[in-house]
């Protein structure tokens, strides 16, 4: 793929996520995406035939990174330090452009369930949670073990009404998430 085509695809994906965040997935059309990009609808179709294709490409990229992390966990014993490392690495994946995808998923959760790739995302989260949870602990401790992932996902949503810098917010969320991992 040429650099220009790759750049165009990335611009389409970025603008689509912006519009999905502004007005919702279902209320956003390919025409609106093309207009925001100042390209023809035909030019947009060259890269993506549907908005579902745009979201599927975003899910595929996220899934590839998350799958690499999941593969890493398969070679690890679930110790407190390896669990913290999982949380650190996962935080890196969902920062930057990944944070926009997470925000899109939160804002459009009913639609995400139906989109190609949405089920894969849930499966990945379940796999990460399995690594974090010691099944021999009490139910409250099993819930606590899953909280680091939710902390990373929900902090932007919970803090959206504050004027905190996004990088500072993500750093604070990671700090809290790491603190939630038990020492034993």
C-alpha atoms as a PDB file:
ATOM      1  CA  UNK A   1       0.000   0.000   0.000  1.00  0.00           C
ATOM      2  CA  UNK A   2       1.392   3.365  -0.929  1.00  0.00           C
ATOM      3  CA  UNK A   3       2.062   5.978   1.715  1.00  0.00           C
ATOM      4  CA  UNK A   4      -0.572   8.341   0.260  1.00  0.00           C
ATOM      5  CA  UNK A   5      -3.293   5.675   0.278  1.00  0.00           C
ATOM      6  CA  UNK A   6      -2.355   4.755   3.834  1.00  0.00           C
ATOM      7  CA  UNK A   7      -2.522   8.416   4.914  1.00  0.00           C
ATOM      8  CA  UNK A   8      -5.935   8.817   3.287  1.00  0.00           C
ATOM      9  CA  UNK A   9      -7.269   5.717   5.020  1.00  0.00           C
ATOM     10  CA  UNK A  10      -6.016   7.039   8.356  1.00  0.00           C
ATOM     11  CA  UNK A  11      -7.633  10.423   7.742  1.00  0.00           C
ATOM     12  CA  UNK A  12     -10.932   8.725   6.928  1.00  0.00           C
ATOM     13  CA  UNK A  13     -10.757   6.628  10.074  1.00  0.00           C
ATOM     14  CA  UNK A  14      -9.847   9.654  12.230  1.00  0.00           C
ATOM     15  CA  UNK A  15     -12.624  11.828  10.826  1.00  0.00           C
ATOM     16  CA  UNK A  16     -15.160   8.998  11.081  1.00  0.00           C
ATOM     17  CA  UNK A  17     -14.332   8.541  14.771  1.00  0.00           C
ATOM     18  CA  UNK A  18     -14.673  12.302  15.323  1.00  0.00           C
ATOM     19  CA  UNK A  19     -18.108  12.327  13.716  1.00  0.00           C
ATOM     20  CA  UNK A  20     -19.209   9.172  15.526  1.00  0.00           C
ATOM     21  CA  UNK A  21     -18.222  10.865  18.810  1.00  0.00           C
ATOM     22  CA  UNK A  22     -20.004  14.110  17.897  1.00  0.00           C
ATOM     23  CA  UNK A  23     -23.305  12.735  16.657  1.00  0.00           C
ATOM     24  CA  UNK A  24     -23.276   8.966  17.183  1.00  0.00           C
ATOM     25  CA  UNK A  25     -22.538   6.098  14.849  1.00  0.00           C
ATOM     26  CA  UNK A  26     -26.066   5.627  13.575  1.00  0.00           C
ATOM     27  CA  UNK A  27     -26.582   9.333  12.813  1.00  0.00           C
ATOM     28  CA  UNK A  28     -23.345   9.653  10.846  1.00  0.00           C
ATOM     29  CA  UNK A  29     -23.394   8.983   7.107  1.00  0.00           C
ATOM     30  CA  UNK A  30     -20.603   8.300   4.637  1.00  0.00           C
ATOM     31  CA  UNK A  31     -21.649  11.509   2.895  1.00  0.00           C
ATOM     32  CA  UNK A  32     -20.931  13.492   6.074  1.00  0.00           C
ATOM     33  CA  UNK A  33     -17.553  11.815   6.451  1.00  0.00           C
ATOM     34  CA  UNK A  34     -16.701  12.684   2.840  1.00  0.00           C
ATOM     35  CA  UNK A  35     -17.853  16.284   3.332  1.00  0.00           C
ATOM     36  CA  UNK A  36     -15.734  16.712   6.465  1.00  0.00           C
ATOM     37  CA  UNK A  37     -12.747  15.364   4.528  1.00  0.00           C
ATOM     38  CA  UNK A  38     -13.628  17.579   1.546  1.00  0.00           C
ATOM     39  CA  UNK A  39     -13.561  14.609  -0.826  1.00  0.00           C
ATOM     40  CA  UNK A  40     -16.195  13.024  -3.010  1.00  0.00           C
ATOM     41  CA  UNK A  41     -18.221  10.102  -1.784  1.00  0.00           C
ATOM     42  CA  UNK A  42     -16.656   8.083  -4.621  1.00  0.00           C
ATOM     43  CA  UNK A  43     -13.181   8.844  -3.242  1.00  0.00           C
ATOM     44  CA  UNK A  44     -14.303   7.620   0.162  1.00  0.00           C
ATOM     45  CA  UNK A  45     -15.776   4.453  -1.406  1.00  0.00           C
ATOM     46  CA  UNK A  46     -12.378   3.695  -2.913  1.00  0.00           C
ATOM     47  CA  UNK A  47     -11.109   3.057   0.626  1.00  0.00           C
ATOM     48  CA  UNK A  48     -14.235   1.966   2.505  1.00  0.00           C
ATOM     49  CA  UNK A  49     -17.576   0.818   1.101  1.00  0.00           C
ATOM     50  CA  UNK A  50     -19.491   1.259   4.372  1.00  0.00           C
ATOM     51  CA  UNK A  51     -19.090   2.818   7.796  1.00  0.00           C
ATOM     52  CA  UNK A  52     -19.061  -0.745   9.123  1.00  0.00           C
ATOM     53  CA  UNK A  53     -15.913  -1.297   7.046  1.00  0.00           C
ATOM     54  CA  UNK A  54     -14.313   1.742   8.683  1.00  0.00           C
ATOM     55  CA  UNK A  55     -15.094   0.481  12.182  1.00  0.00           C
ATOM     56  CA  UNK A  56     -14.023  -3.062  11.277  1.00  0.00           C
ATOM     57  CA  UNK A  57     -10.628  -1.715  10.188  1.00  0.00           C
ATOM     58  CA  UNK A  58     -10.265   0.118  13.513  1.00  0.00           C
ATOM     59  CA  UNK A  59     -11.235  -3.016  15.427  1.00  0.00           C
ATOM     60  CA  UNK A  60      -8.781  -5.090  13.371  1.00  0.00           C
ATOM     61  CA  UNK A  61      -5.856  -2.808  14.237  1.00  0.00           C
ATOM     62  CA  UNK A  62      -6.794  -2.748  17.906  1.00  0.00           C
ATOM     63  CA  UNK A  63      -7.329  -6.502  17.894  1.00  0.00           C
ATOM     64  CA  UNK A  64      -3.888  -7.136  16.386  1.00  0.00           C
ATOM     65  CA  UNK A  65      -2.161  -5.138  19.125  1.00  0.00           C
ATOM     66  CA  UNK A  66      -4.278  -6.690  21.858  1.00  0.00           C
ATOM     67  CA  UNK A  67      -3.662 -10.183  20.450  1.00  0.00           C
ATOM     68  CA  UNK A  68       0.099  -9.583  20.693  1.00  0.00           C
ATOM     69  CA  UNK A  69      -0.374  -8.678  24.337  1.00  0.00           C
ATOM     70  CA  UNK A  70      -2.538 -11.726  24.909  1.00  0.00           C
ATOM     71  CA  UNK A  71       0.166 -13.888  23.341  1.00  0.00           C
ATOM     72  CA  UNK A  72       2.646 -12.351  25.792  1.00  0.00           C
ATOM     73  CA  UNK A  73       0.399 -13.367  28.731  1.00  0.00           C
ATOM     74  CA  UNK A  74       0.392 -16.970  27.528  1.00  0.00           C
ATOM     75  CA  UNK A  75       4.111 -17.143  28.281  1.00  0.00           C
ATOM     76  CA  UNK A  76       3.789 -15.618  31.747  1.00  0.00           C
ATOM     77  CA  UNK A  77       2.893 -16.863  35.179  1.00  0.00           C
ATOM     78  CA  UNK A  78       0.101 -14.677  36.606  1.00  0.00           C
ATOM     79  CA  UNK A  79       2.159 -12.946  39.306  1.00  0.00           C
ATOM     80  CA  UNK A  80       1.465  -9.477  40.695  1.00  0.00           C
ATOM     81  CA  UNK A  81       4.325  -8.061  38.585  1.00  0.00           C
ATOM     82  CA  UNK A  82       3.217  -9.776  35.345  1.00  0.00           C
ATOM     83  CA  UNK A  83      -0.335  -8.575  35.995  1.00  0.00           C
ATOM     84  CA  UNK A  84       0.957  -5.016  36.446  1.00  0.00           C
ATOM     85  CA  UNK A  85       2.934  -5.366  33.225  1.00  0.00           C
ATOM     86  CA  UNK A  86      -0.223  -6.502  31.408  1.00  0.00           C
ATOM     87  CA  UNK A  87      -2.037  -3.402  32.673  1.00  0.00           C
ATOM     88  CA  UNK A  88       0.882  -1.126  31.665  1.00  0.00           C
ATOM     89  CA  UNK A  89       1.027  -2.604  28.171  1.00  0.00           C
ATOM     90  CA  UNK A  90      -2.727  -2.479  27.763  1.00  0.00           C
ATOM     91  CA  UNK A  91      -2.711   1.187  28.836  1.00  0.00           C
ATOM     92  CA  UNK A  92      -0.223   1.907  26.039  1.00  0.00           C
ATOM     93  CA  UNK A  93      -2.542   0.284  23.500  1.00  0.00           C
ATOM     94  CA  UNK A  94      -5.568   2.318  24.521  1.00  0.00           C
ATOM     95  CA  UNK A  95      -3.808   5.671  24.775  1.00  0.00           C
ATOM     96  CA  UNK A  96      -3.701   8.076  21.855  1.00  0.00           C
ATOM     97  CA  UNK A  97      -5.771   6.871  18.890  1.00  0.00           C
ATOM     98  CA  UNK A  98      -6.799   3.815  20.889  1.00  0.00           C
ATOM     99  CA  UNK A  99      -8.545   6.074  23.391  1.00  0.00           C
ATOM    100  CA  UNK A 100     -10.807   7.386  20.627  1.00  0.00           C
ATOM    101  CA  UNK A 101     -11.819   3.831  19.731  1.00  0.00           C
ATOM    102  CA  UNK A 102     -12.550   3.024  23.375  1.00  0.00           C
ATOM    103  CA  UNK A 103     -14.621   6.210  23.645  1.00  0.00           C
ATOM    104  CA  UNK A 104     -16.490   5.249  20.465  1.00  0.00           C
ATOM    105  CA  UNK A 105     -17.207   1.801  21.914  1.00  0.00           C
ATOM    106  CA  UNK A 106     -18.527   3.299  25.155  1.00  0.00           C
ATOM    107  CA  UNK A 107     -20.741   5.838  23.406  1.00  0.00           C
ATOM    108  CA  UNK A 108     -22.096   3.334  20.888  1.00  0.00           C
ATOM    109  CA  UNK A 109     -22.142   0.131  22.941  1.00  0.00           C
ATOM    110  CA  UNK A 110     -25.442  -1.274  21.603  1.00  0.00           C
ATOM    111  CA  UNK A 111     -24.246  -0.811  18.008  1.00  0.00           C
ATOM    112  CA  UNK A 112     -20.773  -2.193  18.737  1.00  0.00           C
ATOM    113  CA  UNK A 113     -22.289  -5.510  19.810  1.00  0.00           C
ATOM    114  CA  UNK A 114     -23.712  -5.907  16.312  1.00  0.00           C
ATOM    115  CA  UNK A 115     -20.680  -4.755  14.329  1.00  0.00           C
ATOM    116  CA  UNK A 116     -18.086  -7.058  12.850  1.00  0.00           C
ATOM    117  CA  UNK A 117     -15.268  -7.288  15.371  1.00  0.00           C
ATOM    118  CA  UNK A 118     -17.320  -6.196  18.385  1.00  0.00           C
ATOM    119  CA  UNK A 119     -17.539  -9.742  19.723  1.00  0.00           C
ATOM    120  CA  UNK A 120     -13.799 -10.167  19.310  1.00  0.00           C
ATOM    121  CA  UNK A 121     -13.252  -7.168  21.561  1.00  0.00           C
ATOM    122  CA  UNK A 122     -15.344  -8.699  24.333  1.00  0.00           C
ATOM    123  CA  UNK A 123     -13.454 -11.970  23.979  1.00  0.00           C
ATOM    124  CA  UNK A 124     -10.102 -10.185  24.305  1.00  0.00           C
ATOM    125  CA  UNK A 125     -11.252  -8.339  27.422  1.00  0.00           C
ATOM    126  CA  UNK A 126     -12.375 -11.644  28.917  1.00  0.00           C
ATOM    127  CA  UNK A 127      -8.958 -13.164  28.191  1.00  0.00           C
ATOM    128  CA  UNK A 128      -7.173 -10.266  29.874  1.00  0.00           C
ATOM    129  CA  UNK A 129      -9.511 -10.519  32.856  1.00  0.00           C
ATOM    130  CA  UNK A 130      -8.783 -14.240  33.134  1.00  0.00           C
ATOM    131  CA  UNK A 131      -5.073 -13.449  33.460  1.00  0.00           C
ATOM    132  CA  UNK A 132      -5.762 -10.868  36.167  1.00  0.00           C
ATOM    133  CA  UNK A 133      -8.149 -12.996  38.234  1.00  0.00           C
ATOM    134  CA  UNK A 134      -7.153 -15.753  40.617  1.00  0.00           C
ATOM    135  CA  UNK A 135     -10.177 -18.074  40.561  1.00  0.00           C
ATOM    136  CA  UNK A 136      -9.313 -19.334  44.048  1.00  0.00           C
ATOM    137  CA  UNK A 137     -10.037 -15.964  45.652  1.00  0.00           C
ATOM    138  CA  UNK A 138     -13.343 -14.702  46.949  1.00  0.00           C
ATOM    139  CA  UNK A 139     -15.897 -13.235  44.586  1.00  0.00           C
ATOM    140  CA  UNK A 140     -15.199  -9.670  45.827  1.00  0.00           C
ATOM    141  CA  UNK A 141     -11.483 -10.213  45.149  1.00  0.00           C
ATOM    142  CA  UNK A 142     -12.261 -11.546  41.676  1.00  0.00           C
ATOM    143  CA  UNK A 143     -14.232  -8.367  41.005  1.00  0.00           C
ATOM    144  CA  UNK A 144     -11.365  -6.245  42.350  1.00  0.00           C
ATOM    145  CA  UNK A 145      -8.953  -8.069  40.022  1.00  0.00           C
ATOM    146  CA  UNK A 146     -10.958  -6.939  36.986  1.00  0.00           C
ATOM    147  CA  UNK A 147     -11.124  -3.294  38.067  1.00  0.00           C
ATOM    148  CA  UNK A 148      -7.749  -2.221  36.597  1.00  0.00           C
ATOM    149  CA  UNK A 149      -9.060  -2.753  33.045  1.00  0.00           C
ATOM    150  CA  UNK A 150     -12.313  -0.951  33.815  1.00  0.00           C
ATOM    151  CA  UNK A 151     -10.376   1.884  35.414  1.00  0.00           C
ATOM    152  CA  UNK A 152      -8.389   2.394  32.214  1.00  0.00           C
ATOM    153  CA  UNK A 153     -11.533   2.226  30.092  1.00  0.00           C
ATOM    154  CA  UNK A 154     -13.869   4.346  32.150  1.00  0.00           C
ATOM    155  CA  UNK A 155     -11.671   7.131  33.485  1.00  0.00           C
ATOM    156  CA  UNK A 156     -12.117   9.381  30.448  1.00  0.00           C
ATOM    157  CA  UNK A 157     -15.862   8.818  30.596  1.00  0.00           C
ATOM    158  CA  UNK A 158     -16.048   9.448  34.349  1.00  0.00           C
ATOM    159  CA  UNK A 159     -13.878  12.565  34.133  1.00  0.00           C
ATOM    160  CA  UNK A 160     -15.291  14.041  30.912  1.00  0.00           C
ATOM    161  CA  UNK A 161     -16.740  17.040  32.725  1.00  0.00           C
ATOM    162  CA  UNK A 162     -13.343  18.141  34.048  1.00  0.00           C
ATOM    163  CA  UNK A 163     -10.703  20.278  32.383  1.00  0.00           C
ATOM    164  CA  UNK A 164      -7.891  17.783  32.910  1.00  0.00           C
ATOM    165  CA  UNK A 165      -5.256  17.219  30.225  1.00  0.00           C
ATOM    166  CA  UNK A 166      -5.844  13.835  28.517  1.00  0.00           C
ATOM    167  CA  UNK A 167      -2.241  12.680  29.061  1.00  0.00           C
ATOM    168  CA  UNK A 168      -2.413  13.567  32.762  1.00  0.00           C
ATOM    169  CA  UNK A 169      -5.742  11.786  33.024  1.00  0.00           C
ATOM    170  CA  UNK A 170      -4.409   8.628  31.399  1.00  0.00           C
ATOM    171  CA  UNK A 171      -1.297   8.670  33.617  1.00  0.00           C
ATOM    172  CA  UNK A 172      -3.477   9.016  36.720  1.00  0.00           C
ATOM    173  CA  UNK A 173      -5.779   6.215  35.517  1.00  0.00           C
ATOM    174  CA  UNK A 174      -2.767   3.932  35.034  1.00  0.00           C
ATOM    175  CA  UNK A 175      -1.508   4.769  38.523  1.00  0.00           C
ATOM    176  CA  UNK A 176      -4.892   3.886  40.042  1.00  0.00           C
ATOM    177  CA  UNK A 177      -5.184   0.731  37.917  1.00  0.00           C
ATOM    178  CA  UNK A 178      -1.756  -0.486  39.036  1.00  0.00           C
ATOM    179  CA  UNK A 179      -2.621   0.229  42.676  1.00  0.00           C
ATOM    180  CA  UNK A 180      -5.665  -2.036  42.349  1.00  0.00           C
ATOM    181  CA  UNK A 181      -3.535  -5.110  41.640  1.00  0.00           C
ATOM    182  CA  UNK A 182      -3.009  -7.031  44.884  1.00  0.00           C
ATOM    183  CA  UNK A 183       0.531  -7.729  46.074  1.00  0.00           C
ATOM    184  CA  UNK A 184      -0.130 -11.455  46.358  1.00  0.00           C
END
